[in-house]
PDB file of N, CA and C in Angstrom:
ATOM      1  N   MET A   1      72.332 -78.660 -73.967  1.00  0.00           N
ATOM      2  CA  MET A   1      71.581 -80.057 -72.514  1.00  0.00           C
ATOM      3  C   MET A   1      71.118 -81.005 -73.088  1.00  0.00           C
ATOM      4  N   ASP A   2      71.248 -82.027 -72.840  1.00  0.00           N
ATOM      5  CA  ASP A   2      70.214 -83.550 -73.629  1.00  0.00           C
ATOM      6  C   ASP A   2      69.111 -84.304 -72.127  1.00  0.00           C
ATOM      7  N   LEU A   3      68.384 -83.633 -72.491  1.00  0.00           N
ATOM      8  CA  LEU A   3      66.521 -83.814 -72.146  1.00  0.00           C
ATOM      9  C   LEU A   3      66.369 -84.860 -71.992  1.00  0.00           C
ATOM     10  N   ALA A   4      66.498 -85.848 -72.355  1.00  0.00           N
ATOM     11  CA  ALA A   4      66.729 -87.172 -72.659  1.00  0.00           C
ATOM     12  C   ALA A   4      67.489 -87.734 -70.981  1.00  0.00           C
ATOM     13  N   LYS A   5      68.826 -87.293 -70.574  1.00  0.00           N
ATOM     14  CA  LYS A   5      69.184 -87.148 -69.654  1.00  0.00           C
ATOM     15  C   LYS A   5      68.924 -86.680 -68.650  1.00  0.00           C
ATOM     16  N   VAL A   6      68.070 -85.779 -68.121  1.00  0.00           N
ATOM     17  CA  VAL A   6      67.401 -85.157 -67.726  1.00  0.00           C
ATOM     18  C   VAL A   6      66.632 -85.608 -67.187  1.00  0.00           C
ATOM     19  N   LEU A   7      65.954 -86.036 -68.503  1.00  0.00           N
ATOM     20  CA  LEU A   7      64.599 -86.587 -67.860  1.00  0.00           C
ATOM     21  C   LEU A   7      64.517 -87.927 -67.306  1.00  0.00           C
ATOM     22  N   ALA A   8      65.660 -88.779 -67.805  1.00  0.00           N
ATOM     23  CA  ALA A   8      66.160 -89.733 -66.934  1.00  0.00           C
ATOM     24  C   ALA A   8      66.476 -89.941 -65.230  1.00  0.00           C
ATOM     25  N   ASP A   9      66.861 -88.612 -65.196  1.00  0.00           N
ATOM     26  CA  ASP A   9      67.574 -88.074 -63.904  1.00  0.00           C
ATOM     27  C   ASP A   9      66.515 -87.349 -62.657  1.00  0.00           C
ATOM     28  N   LEU A  10      65.714 -87.180 -63.199  1.00  0.00           N
ATOM     29  CA  LEU A  10      64.259 -86.819 -62.734  1.00  0.00           C
ATOM     30  C   LEU A  10      63.499 -87.946 -62.875  1.00  0.00           C
ATOM     31  N   ARG A  11      63.536 -88.748 -62.871  1.00  0.00           N
ATOM     32  CA  ARG A  11      62.849 -90.265 -62.970  1.00  0.00           C
ATOM     33  C   ARG A  11      63.170 -90.866 -61.474  1.00  0.00           C
ATOM     34  N   GLN A  12      63.831 -91.047 -61.984  1.00  0.00           N
ATOM     35  CA  GLN A  12      65.073 -91.838 -61.209  1.00  0.00           C
ATOM     36  C   GLN A  12      64.890 -91.174 -59.978  1.00  0.00           C
ATOM     37  N   GLU A  13      65.088 -90.115 -59.008  1.00  0.00           N
ATOM     38  CA  GLU A  13      64.982 -89.467 -58.196  1.00  0.00           C
ATOM     39  C   GLU A  13      63.046 -89.400 -57.601  1.00  0.00           C
ATOM     40  N   LEU A  14      62.101 -89.220 -58.024  1.00  0.00           N
ATOM     41  CA  LEU A  14      60.995 -89.454 -58.023  1.00  0.00           C
ATOM     42  C   LEU A  14      60.418 -91.058 -57.829  1.00  0.00           C
ATOM     43  N   ALA A  15      61.702 -91.728 -57.850  1.00  0.00           N
ATOM     44  CA  ALA A  15      61.486 -93.136 -57.320  1.00  0.00           C
ATOM     45  C   ALA A  15      61.872 -92.950 -56.575  1.00  0.00           C
ATOM     46  N   ASN A  16      63.259 -92.702 -55.742  1.00  0.00           N
ATOM     47  CA  ASN A  16      63.493 -92.268 -54.640  1.00  0.00           C
ATOM     48  C   ASN A  16      62.547 -91.976 -53.491  1.00  0.00           C
ATOM     49  N   LEU A  17      62.002 -90.069 -53.997  1.00  0.00           N
ATOM     50  CA  LEU A  17      61.756 -89.916 -53.279  1.00  0.00           C
ATOM     51  C   LEU A  17      60.149 -90.524 -53.546  1.00  0.00           C
ATOM     52  N   ASP A  18      59.406 -91.515 -53.870  1.00  0.00           N
ATOM     53  CA  ASP A  18      58.411 -91.918 -53.856  1.00  0.00           C
ATOM     54  C   ASP A  18      58.939 -93.362 -52.472  1.00  0.00           C
ATOM     55  N   SER A  19      60.190 -94.268 -52.846  1.00  0.00           N
ATOM     56  CA  SER A  19      60.124 -94.504 -51.502  1.00  0.00           C
ATOM     57  C   SER A  19      60.807 -94.487 -50.374  1.00  0.00           C
ATOM     58  N   ALA A  20      60.944 -93.041 -50.180  1.00  0.00           N
ATOM     59  CA  ALA A  20      61.507 -92.842 -48.715  1.00  0.00           C
ATOM     60  C   ALA A  20      59.999 -92.145 -48.694  1.00  0.00           C
ATOM     61  N   ILE A  21      58.951 -91.725 -48.825  1.00  0.00           N
ATOM     62  CA  ILE A  21      57.263 -91.568 -48.575  1.00  0.00           C
ATOM     63  C   ILE A  21      56.675 -92.484 -48.533  1.00  0.00           C
ATOM     64  N   SER A  22      56.760 -93.548 -48.938  1.00  0.00           N
ATOM     65  CA  SER A  22      56.293 -94.488 -48.383  1.00  0.00           C
ATOM     66  C   SER A  22      56.615 -95.420 -46.991  1.00  0.00           C
ATOM     67  N   SER A  23      58.180 -95.462 -47.241  1.00  0.00           N
ATOM     68  CA  SER A  23      58.967 -95.853 -45.542  1.00  0.00           C
ATOM     69  C   SER A  23      58.292 -95.361 -44.926  1.00  0.00           C
ATOM     70  N   LEU A  24      58.701 -94.405 -44.197  1.00  0.00           N
ATOM     71  CA  LEU A  24      58.327 -93.002 -43.580  1.00  0.00           C
ATOM     72  C   LEU A  24      56.191 -92.710 -43.474  1.00  0.00           C
ATOM     73  N   GLU A  25      55.882 -92.785 -44.518  1.00  0.00           N
ATOM     74  CA  GLU A  25      54.185 -93.170 -44.470  1.00  0.00           C
ATOM     75  C   GLU A  25      54.576 -95.506 -43.103  1.00  0.00           C
ATOM     76  N   ARG A  26      55.106 -96.059 -43.646  1.00  0.00           N
ATOM     77  CA  ARG A  26      54.610 -97.031 -42.785  1.00  0.00           C
ATOM     78  C   ARG A  26      55.610 -97.082 -41.892  1.00  0.00           C
ATOM     79  N   LEU A  27      56.367 -96.297 -41.699  1.00  0.00           N
ATOM     80  CA  LEU A  27      57.343 -96.441 -40.136  1.00  0.00           C
ATOM     81  C   LEU A  27      56.116 -95.409 -39.825  1.00  0.00           C
ATOM     82  N   GLN A  28      55.059 -94.352 -40.107  1.00  0.00           N
ATOM     83  CA  GLN A  28      54.264 -93.561 -38.848  1.00  0.00           C
ATOM     84  C   GLN A  28      52.751 -94.499 -38.493  1.00  0.00           C
ATOM     85  N   GLU A  29      53.148 -95.802 -39.644  1.00  0.00           N
ATOM     86  CA  GLU A  29      51.797 -96.751 -39.380  1.00  0.00           C
ATOM     87  C   GLU A  29      52.138 -97.028 -38.173  1.00  0.00           C
ATOM     88  N   VAL A  30      53.211 -97.947 -37.974  1.00  0.00           N
ATOM     89  CA  VAL A  30      53.519 -98.821 -36.733  1.00  0.00           C
ATOM     90  C   VAL A  30      53.931 -98.435 -35.539  1.00  0.00           C
ATOM     91  N   SER A  31      54.449 -96.483 -35.686  1.00  0.00           N
ATOM     92  CA  SER A  31      54.626 -95.667 -35.069  1.00  0.00           C
ATOM     93  C   SER A  31      52.815 -95.850 -33.830  1.00  0.00           C
ATOM     94  N   SER A  32      52.490 -95.105 -34.594  1.00  0.00           N
ATOM     95  CA  SER A  32      50.869 -94.417 -34.072  1.00  0.00           C
ATOM     96  C   SER A  32      50.258 -95.918 -33.388  1.00  0.00           C
ATOM     97  N   VAL A  33      49.933 -97.281 -34.269  1.00  0.00           N
ATOM     98  CA  VAL A  33      49.857 -98.230 -33.458  1.00  0.00           C
ATOM     99  C   VAL A  33      50.861 -98.609 -32.047  1.00  0.00           C
ATOM    100  N   HIS A  34      49.608 -98.882 -31.108  1.00  0.00           N
ATOM    101  CA  HIS A  34      50.692 -98.820 -29.804  1.00  0.00           C
ATOM    102  C   HIS A  34      49.715-101.146 -29.925  1.00  0.00           C
ATOM    103  N   ARG A  35      50.547-101.535 -29.500  1.00  0.00           N
ATOM    104  CA  ARG A  35      51.052-102.689 -29.332  1.00  0.00           C
ATOM    105  C   ARG A  35      51.629-103.541 -28.422  1.00  0.00           C
ATOM    106  N   ARG A  36      51.184-104.516 -27.677  1.00  0.00           N
ATOM    107  CA  ARG A  36      51.600-104.953 -26.409  1.00  0.00           C
ATOM    108  C   ARG A  36      52.927-105.738 -26.692  1.00  0.00           C
ATOM    109  N   GLY A  37      53.619-105.439 -26.082  1.00  0.00           N
ATOM    110  CA  GLY A  37      55.515-106.501 -26.669  1.00  0.00           C
ATOM    111  C   GLY A  37      56.095-105.778 -26.725  1.00  0.00           C
ATOM    112  N   ARG A  38      57.571-106.159 -26.920  1.00  0.00           N
ATOM    113  CA  ARG A  38      58.859-105.681 -27.434  1.00  0.00           C
ATOM    114  C   ARG A  38      58.630-105.286 -28.354  1.00  0.00           C
ATOM    115  N   PRO A  39      59.283-103.906 -29.113  1.00  0.00           N
ATOM    116  CA  PRO A  39      58.499-102.996 -29.449  1.00  0.00           C
ATOM    117  C   PRO A  39      59.308-103.280 -30.980  1.00  0.00           C
ATOM    118  N   PRO A  40      59.638-103.512 -32.334  1.00  0.00           N
ATOM    119  CA  PRO A  40      60.512-103.716 -33.535  1.00  0.00           C
ATOM    120  C   PRO A  40      61.724-102.760 -33.686  1.00  0.00           C
ATOM    121  N   LYS A  41      62.321-103.462 -33.757  1.00  0.00           N
ATOM    122  CA  LYS A  41      63.940-102.717 -33.752  1.00  0.00           C
ATOM    123  C   LYS A  41      64.320-102.063 -34.590  1.00  0.00           C
ATOM    124  N   LEU A  42      63.597-101.476 -35.666  1.00  0.00           N
ATOM    125  CA  LEU A  42      63.575-100.235 -36.510  1.00  0.00           C
ATOM    126  C   LEU A  42      63.259 -99.242 -34.770  1.00  0.00           C
ATOM    127  N   LEU A  43      62.664 -99.784 -34.376  1.00  0.00           N
ATOM    128  CA  LEU A  43      61.301 -98.362 -33.610  1.00  0.00           C
ATOM    129  C   LEU A  43      62.562 -98.350 -32.547  1.00  0.00           C
ATOM    130  N   SER A  44      63.134 -98.858 -31.758  1.00  0.00           N
ATOM    131  CA  SER A  44      64.054 -99.013 -30.630  1.00  0.00           C
ATOM    132  C   SER A  44      65.118 -98.223 -31.349  1.00  0.00           C
ATOM    133  N   ASP A  45      65.264 -98.645 -32.416  1.00  0.00           N
ATOM    134  CA  ASP A  45      66.824 -97.891 -32.744  1.00  0.00           C
ATOM    135  C   ASP A  45      66.852 -95.903 -33.148  1.00  0.00           C
ATOM    136  N   ILE A  46      65.417 -96.233 -34.012  1.00  0.00           N
ATOM    137  CA  ILE A  46      65.352 -94.514 -33.992  1.00  0.00           C
ATOM    138  C   ILE A  46      65.385 -93.551 -32.887  1.00  0.00           C
ATOM    139  N   ARG A  47      64.515 -94.669 -31.410  1.00  0.00           N
ATOM    140  CA  ARG A  47      64.179 -93.871 -30.387  1.00  0.00           C
ATOM    141  C   ARG A  47      65.790 -94.256 -29.175  1.00  0.00           C
ATOM    142  N   LYS A  48      66.582 -94.996 -29.990  1.00  0.00           N
ATOM    143  CA  LYS A  48      67.895 -94.332 -29.600  1.00  0.00           C
ATOM    144  C   LYS A  48      68.734 -93.843 -29.906  1.00  0.00           C
ATOM    145  N   ALA A  49      68.176 -93.188 -31.429  1.00  0.00           N
ATOM    146  CA  ALA A  49      69.112 -92.198 -31.708  1.00  0.00           C
ATOM    147  C   ALA A  49      68.714 -90.742 -31.127  1.00  0.00           C
ATOM    148  N   ALA A  50      67.591 -90.980 -31.352  1.00  0.00           N
ATOM    149  CA  ALA A  50      66.674 -89.518 -30.424  1.00  0.00           C
ATOM    150  C   ALA A  50      66.107 -89.351 -29.219  1.00  0.00           C
ATOM    151  N   PRO A  51      67.465 -88.682 -28.150  1.00  0.00           N
ATOM    152  CA  PRO A  51      67.255 -88.985 -26.975  1.00  0.00           C
ATOM    153  C   PRO A  51      66.652 -88.191 -25.839  1.00  0.00           C
ATOM    154  N   ASP A  52      66.130 -87.245 -27.255  1.00  0.00           N
ATOM    155  CA  ASP A  52      65.553 -85.951 -26.334  1.00  0.00           C
ATOM    156  C   ASP A  52      64.147 -86.735 -26.279  1.00  0.00           C
ATOM    157  N   LYS A  53      63.302 -87.364 -26.959  1.00  0.00           N
ATOM    158  CA  LYS A  53      62.639 -87.282 -26.309  1.00  0.00           C
ATOM    159  C   LYS A  53      61.872 -88.829 -25.009  1.00  0.00           C
ATOM    160  N   PRO A  54      61.287 -88.367 -23.982  1.00  0.00           N
ATOM    161  CA  PRO A  54      61.155 -89.239 -23.227  1.00  0.00           C
ATOM    162  C   PRO A  54      60.636 -90.820 -23.575  1.00  0.00           C
ATOM    163  N   GLU A  55      61.186 -91.398 -22.904  1.00  0.00           N
ATOM    164  CA  GLU A  55      59.949 -93.185 -22.867  1.00  0.00           C
ATOM    165  C   GLU A  55      58.167 -92.656 -22.777  1.00  0.00           C
ATOM    166  N   PRO A  56      57.339 -92.683 -23.970  1.00  0.00           N
ATOM    167  CA  PRO A  56      56.381 -93.182 -22.987  1.00  0.00           C
ATOM    168  C   PRO A  56      56.432 -94.071 -21.740  1.00  0.00           C
ATOM    169  N   ARG A  57      55.495 -93.525 -21.096  1.00  0.00           N
ATOM    170  CA  ARG A  57      55.781 -94.617 -19.946  1.00  0.00           C
ATOM    171  C   ARG A  57      54.381 -95.575 -19.849  1.00  0.00           C
ATOM    172  N   ALA A  58      54.555 -96.762 -18.727  1.00  0.00           N
ATOM    173  CA  ALA A  58      53.669 -97.932 -19.103  1.00  0.00           C
ATOM    174  C   ALA A  58      51.680 -96.950 -18.403  1.00  0.00           C
ATOM    175  N   ALA A  59      50.823 -97.410 -19.015  1.00  0.00           N
ATOM    176  CA  ALA A  59      50.005 -97.459 -18.680  1.00  0.00           C
ATOM    177  C   ALA A  59      50.027 -97.911 -16.603  1.00  0.00           C
ATOM    178  N   GLN A  60      49.029 -96.976 -16.313  1.00  0.00           N
ATOM    179  CA  GLN A  60      48.907 -97.053 -14.348  1.00  0.00           C
ATOM    180  C   GLN A  60      48.088 -99.087 -14.868  1.00  0.00           C
ATOM    181  N   PRO A  61      48.300 -99.891 -13.585  1.00  0.00           N
ATOM    182  CA  PRO A  61      46.738-100.210 -13.723  1.00  0.00           C
ATOM    183  C   PRO A  61      45.661 -99.918 -12.763  1.00  0.00           C
ATOM    184  N   SER A  62      44.694 -99.800 -13.194  1.00  0.00           N
ATOM    185  CA  SER A  62      42.763 -99.359 -12.868  1.00  0.00           C
ATOM    186  C   SER A  62      42.448-100.344 -11.791  1.00  0.00           C
ATOM    187  N   GLY A  63      42.214 -99.354 -10.678  1.00  0.00           N
ATOM    188  CA  GLY A  63      41.544-100.606 -10.205  1.00  0.00           C
ATOM    189  C   GLY A  63      40.711 -99.980  -8.821  1.00  0.00           C
ATOM    190  N   PRO A  64      39.846-100.489  -8.122  1.00  0.00           N
ATOM    191  CA  PRO A  64      39.615 -99.437  -7.024  1.00  0.00           C
ATOM    192  C   PRO A  64      40.347 -98.974  -6.190  1.00  0.00           C
ATOM    193  N   LYS A  65      40.256 -98.534  -5.287  1.00  0.00           N
ATOM    194  CA  LYS A  65      41.074 -96.986  -5.031  1.00  0.00           C
ATOM    195  C   LYS A  65      40.749 -96.446  -3.864  1.00  0.00           C
ATOM    196  N   ASP A  66      41.347 -96.477  -2.598  1.00  0.00           N
ATOM    197  CA  ASP A  66      41.177 -96.429  -1.118  1.00  0.00           C
ATOM    198  C   ASP A  66      40.737 -94.948  -1.280  1.00  0.00           C
ATOM    199  N   VAL A  67      39.744 -94.987  -0.264  1.00  0.00           N
ATOM    200  CA  VAL A  67      38.913 -92.614  -0.383  1.00  0.00           C
ATOM    201  C   VAL A  67      39.393 -92.547   1.171  1.00  0.00           C
TER     202      VAL A  67
END
């Protein structure tokens, strides 16, 4: 068993995991912030791929209510 090759493979896997974790953290930050306007294309693609979640409803305008 070549330990140098095993270590190189593990370092490469660590780099892949780090980039995956960073991507998921950025995605979490983007999805947790409610912004006005059109969502980024990445989010709309994800929502299209996962139709099991209902789309968030727009907030109803608050105003004087007739009693």
